Amino acid sequence: VSVLGELGRPPPRHWFTRCVLCNFPLREIPRAERGKGVPGDFDRYWRCDACGRTHWRGSHYERAKRYLDALTE
């Protein structure tokens, strides 16, 4: 919380736009490109072109968003 206070917080539209592993910007990909081992029951997917990881808005996203919302209230 003190980091947010000192540095300011990014607007919510910037949340979840970077890879959690390498911090590279994510780009949205078609569902057909999601790759093996990635659940197929989500509407949108993003890929990190730096490390190749695929992201989607599953339960981790929901928990992280609730946490960030609580920090920024």
N, C-alpha and C. Protein backbone atom coordinates (compact mmCIF):
# COMPACT_ATOMS: atom_id res chain seq x y z
N VAL A 1 0.83 -1.18 0.00
CA VAL A 1 0.00 0.00 0.00
C VAL A 1 0.88 1.25 0.00
N SER A 2 1.97 1.24 0.74
CA SER A 2 2.82 2.43 0.78
C SER A 2 3.44 2.71 -0.59
N VAL A 3 3.72 1.69 -1.37
CA VAL A 3 4.27 1.89 -2.71
C VAL A 3 3.25 2.64 -3.57
N LEU A 4 1.98 2.22 -3.48
CA LEU A 4 0.94 2.92 -4.24
C LEU A 4 0.84 4.37 -3.81
N GLY A 5 0.98 4.62 -2.52
CA GLY A 5 0.90 5.98 -2.02
C GLY A 5 2.06 6.84 -2.50
N GLU A 6 3.25 6.27 -2.52
CA GLU A 6 4.44 7.02 -2.93
C GLU A 6 4.51 7.23 -4.44
N LEU A 7 4.22 6.20 -5.19
CA LEU A 7 4.40 6.27 -6.63
C LEU A 7 3.12 6.59 -7.40
N GLY A 8 2.02 6.57 -6.71
CA GLY A 8 0.74 6.71 -7.40
C GLY A 8 0.33 5.34 -7.93
N ARG A 9 -0.86 5.24 -8.39
CA ARG A 9 -1.30 3.94 -8.89
C ARG A 9 -1.68 4.07 -10.35
N PRO A 10 -1.42 3.03 -11.11
CA PRO A 10 -1.83 3.08 -12.50
C PRO A 10 -3.35 2.99 -12.59
N PRO A 11 -3.94 3.62 -13.58
CA PRO A 11 -5.39 3.50 -13.72
C PRO A 11 -5.77 2.06 -14.01
N PRO A 12 -6.95 1.64 -13.59
CA PRO A 12 -7.37 0.25 -13.78
C PRO A 12 -7.26 -0.24 -15.21
N ARG A 13 -7.36 0.64 -16.19
CA ARG A 13 -7.25 0.17 -17.59
C ARG A 13 -5.85 -0.37 -17.90
N HIS A 14 -4.86 -0.02 -17.07
CA HIS A 14 -3.51 -0.52 -17.28
C HIS A 14 -3.20 -1.79 -16.49
N TRP A 15 -4.12 -2.16 -15.59
CA TRP A 15 -3.90 -3.38 -14.84
C TRP A 15 -3.98 -4.57 -15.79
N PHE A 16 -3.19 -5.57 -15.54
CA PHE A 16 -3.23 -6.83 -16.29
C PHE A 16 -2.89 -6.65 -17.76
N THR A 17 -2.05 -5.70 -18.09
CA THR A 17 -1.65 -5.50 -19.48
C THR A 17 -0.23 -5.96 -19.73
N ARG A 18 0.42 -6.46 -18.66
CA ARG A 18 1.80 -6.93 -18.80
C ARG A 18 1.93 -8.34 -18.24
N CYS A 19 2.90 -9.07 -18.74
CA CYS A 19 3.14 -10.44 -18.31
C CYS A 19 3.57 -10.47 -16.84
N VAL A 20 3.01 -11.39 -16.09
CA VAL A 20 3.36 -11.50 -14.67
C VAL A 20 4.74 -12.10 -14.47
N LEU A 21 5.30 -12.74 -15.49
CA LEU A 21 6.64 -13.32 -15.37
C LEU A 21 7.74 -12.36 -15.79
N CYS A 22 7.56 -11.68 -16.91
CA CYS A 22 8.66 -10.86 -17.42
C CYS A 22 8.32 -9.39 -17.63
N ASN A 23 7.08 -9.00 -17.36
CA ASN A 23 6.63 -7.61 -17.43
C ASN A 23 6.56 -7.06 -18.86
N PHE A 24 6.61 -7.92 -19.86
CA PHE A 24 6.50 -7.50 -21.25
C PHE A 24 5.02 -7.23 -21.56
N PRO A 25 4.71 -6.25 -22.41
CA PRO A 25 3.30 -5.99 -22.74
C PRO A 25 2.64 -7.22 -23.40
N LEU A 26 1.38 -7.45 -23.05
CA LEU A 26 0.62 -8.55 -23.61
C LEU A 26 -0.13 -8.10 -24.84
N ARG A 27 -0.37 -9.03 -25.75
CA ARG A 27 -1.22 -8.75 -26.91
C ARG A 27 -2.33 -9.79 -26.95
N GLU A 28 -3.50 -9.35 -27.32
CA GLU A 28 -4.64 -10.26 -27.38
C GLU A 28 -4.48 -11.18 -28.59
N ILE A 29 -4.84 -12.44 -28.39
CA ILE A 29 -4.74 -13.44 -29.46
C ILE A 29 -6.10 -14.11 -29.66
N PRO A 30 -6.33 -14.66 -30.84
CA PRO A 30 -7.56 -15.41 -31.06
C PRO A 30 -7.58 -16.68 -30.22
N ARG A 31 -8.76 -17.11 -29.87
CA ARG A 31 -8.92 -18.31 -29.04
C ARG A 31 -8.20 -19.51 -29.67
N ALA A 32 -8.21 -19.60 -30.99
CA ALA A 32 -7.59 -20.73 -31.68
C ALA A 32 -6.08 -20.79 -31.47
N GLU A 33 -5.46 -19.70 -31.10
CA GLU A 33 -4.01 -19.66 -30.89
C GLU A 33 -3.59 -19.88 -29.45
N ARG A 34 -4.52 -20.22 -28.58
CA ARG A 34 -4.21 -20.26 -27.15
C ARG A 34 -3.16 -21.31 -26.78
N GLY A 35 -3.02 -22.37 -27.53
CA GLY A 35 -1.99 -23.37 -27.27
C GLY A 35 -2.46 -24.52 -26.42
N LYS A 36 -1.61 -25.52 -26.33
CA LYS A 36 -1.92 -26.72 -25.55
C LYS A 36 -1.84 -26.43 -24.06
N GLY A 37 -2.69 -27.07 -23.30
CA GLY A 37 -2.67 -26.94 -21.85
C GLY A 37 -3.35 -25.69 -21.32
N VAL A 38 -3.91 -24.89 -22.21
CA VAL A 38 -4.60 -23.66 -21.80
C VAL A 38 -6.10 -23.93 -21.86
N PRO A 39 -6.83 -23.65 -20.79
CA PRO A 39 -8.27 -23.92 -20.80
C PRO A 39 -8.97 -23.22 -21.96
N GLY A 40 -9.97 -23.87 -22.51
CA GLY A 40 -10.66 -23.33 -23.66
C GLY A 40 -11.99 -22.70 -23.36
N ASP A 41 -12.31 -22.46 -22.11
CA ASP A 41 -13.65 -21.95 -21.78
C ASP A 41 -13.65 -20.48 -21.39
N PHE A 42 -12.71 -19.72 -21.89
CA PHE A 42 -12.67 -18.28 -21.62
C PHE A 42 -12.85 -17.52 -22.94
N ASP A 43 -13.34 -16.30 -22.85
CA ASP A 43 -13.62 -15.52 -24.05
C ASP A 43 -12.39 -14.87 -24.67
N ARG A 44 -11.45 -14.48 -23.83
CA ARG A 44 -10.30 -13.73 -24.33
C ARG A 44 -8.99 -14.30 -23.79
N TYR A 45 -7.95 -14.22 -24.63
CA TYR A 45 -6.62 -14.71 -24.28
C TYR A 45 -5.59 -13.67 -24.72
N TRP A 46 -4.47 -13.63 -23.98
CA TRP A 46 -3.38 -12.73 -24.30
C TRP A 46 -2.08 -13.51 -24.29
N ARG A 47 -1.14 -13.11 -25.12
CA ARG A 47 0.16 -13.78 -25.20
C ARG A 47 1.25 -12.77 -24.96
N CYS A 48 2.27 -13.24 -24.26
CA CYS A 48 3.48 -12.46 -24.07
C CYS A 48 4.46 -12.89 -25.16
N ASP A 49 4.84 -11.96 -26.01
CA ASP A 49 5.77 -12.30 -27.10
C ASP A 49 7.19 -12.48 -26.61
N ALA A 50 7.49 -12.06 -25.40
CA ALA A 50 8.85 -12.22 -24.87
C ALA A 50 9.08 -13.63 -24.34
N CYS A 51 8.16 -14.12 -23.50
CA CYS A 51 8.38 -15.44 -22.89
C CYS A 51 7.42 -16.52 -23.43
N GLY A 52 6.41 -16.11 -24.21
CA GLY A 52 5.51 -17.08 -24.82
C GLY A 52 4.36 -17.54 -23.95
N ARG A 53 4.26 -17.02 -22.76
CA ARG A 53 3.19 -17.44 -21.85
C ARG A 53 1.84 -16.89 -22.33
N THR A 54 0.80 -17.71 -22.18
CA THR A 54 -0.56 -17.30 -22.52
C THR A 54 -1.31 -16.99 -21.23
N HIS A 55 -2.07 -15.90 -21.25
CA HIS A 55 -2.83 -15.46 -20.08
C HIS A 55 -4.31 -15.42 -20.43
N TRP A 56 -5.15 -15.61 -19.41
CA TRP A 56 -6.60 -15.50 -19.55
C TRP A 56 -7.15 -15.03 -18.22
N ARG A 57 -8.40 -14.61 -18.22
CA ARG A 57 -9.01 -14.07 -17.01
C ARG A 57 -9.76 -15.17 -16.26
N GLY A 58 -9.01 -15.94 -15.53
CA GLY A 58 -9.57 -17.01 -14.72
C GLY A 58 -9.71 -16.58 -13.27
N SER A 59 -9.69 -17.55 -12.36
CA SER A 59 -9.90 -17.26 -10.94
C SER A 59 -8.77 -16.40 -10.35
N HIS A 60 -7.54 -16.57 -10.83
CA HIS A 60 -6.44 -15.74 -10.33
C HIS A 60 -6.70 -14.26 -10.66
N TYR A 61 -7.16 -14.01 -11.86
CA TYR A 61 -7.47 -12.63 -12.26
C TYR A 61 -8.53 -12.03 -11.34
N GLU A 62 -9.58 -12.79 -11.07
CA GLU A 62 -10.66 -12.28 -10.21
C GLU A 62 -10.15 -11.96 -8.81
N ARG A 63 -9.33 -12.84 -8.23
CA ARG A 63 -8.78 -12.61 -6.89
C ARG A 63 -7.85 -11.39 -6.89
N ALA A 64 -7.00 -11.30 -7.90
CA ALA A 64 -6.05 -10.18 -7.97
C ALA A 64 -6.80 -8.86 -8.16
N LYS A 65 -7.83 -8.86 -8.97
CA LYS A 65 -8.61 -7.64 -9.20
C LYS A 65 -9.31 -7.19 -7.92
N ARG A 66 -9.88 -8.12 -7.18
CA ARG A 66 -10.52 -7.76 -5.90
C ARG A 66 -9.48 -7.16 -4.95
N TYR A 67 -8.30 -7.75 -4.90
CA TYR A 67 -7.23 -7.25 -4.03
C TYR A 67 -6.83 -5.83 -4.43
N LEU A 68 -6.61 -5.61 -5.73
CA LEU A 68 -6.22 -4.28 -6.20
C LEU A 68 -7.33 -3.26 -5.99
N ASP A 69 -8.57 -3.67 -6.22
CA ASP A 69 -9.69 -2.76 -5.97
C ASP A 69 -9.71 -2.33 -4.50
N ALA A 70 -9.47 -3.27 -3.60
CA ALA A 70 -9.48 -2.96 -2.16
C ALA A 70 -8.33 -2.01 -1.80
N LEU A 71 -7.18 -2.18 -2.42
CA LEU A 71 -6.03 -1.31 -2.14
C LEU A 71 -6.26 0.11 -2.62
N THR A 72 -7.03 0.26 -3.66
CA THR A 72 -7.16 1.57 -4.27
C THR A 72 -8.42 2.31 -3.87
N GLU A 73 -9.19 1.74 -2.97
CA GLU A 73 -10.42 2.43 -2.50
C GLU A 73 -10.08 3.53 -1.54
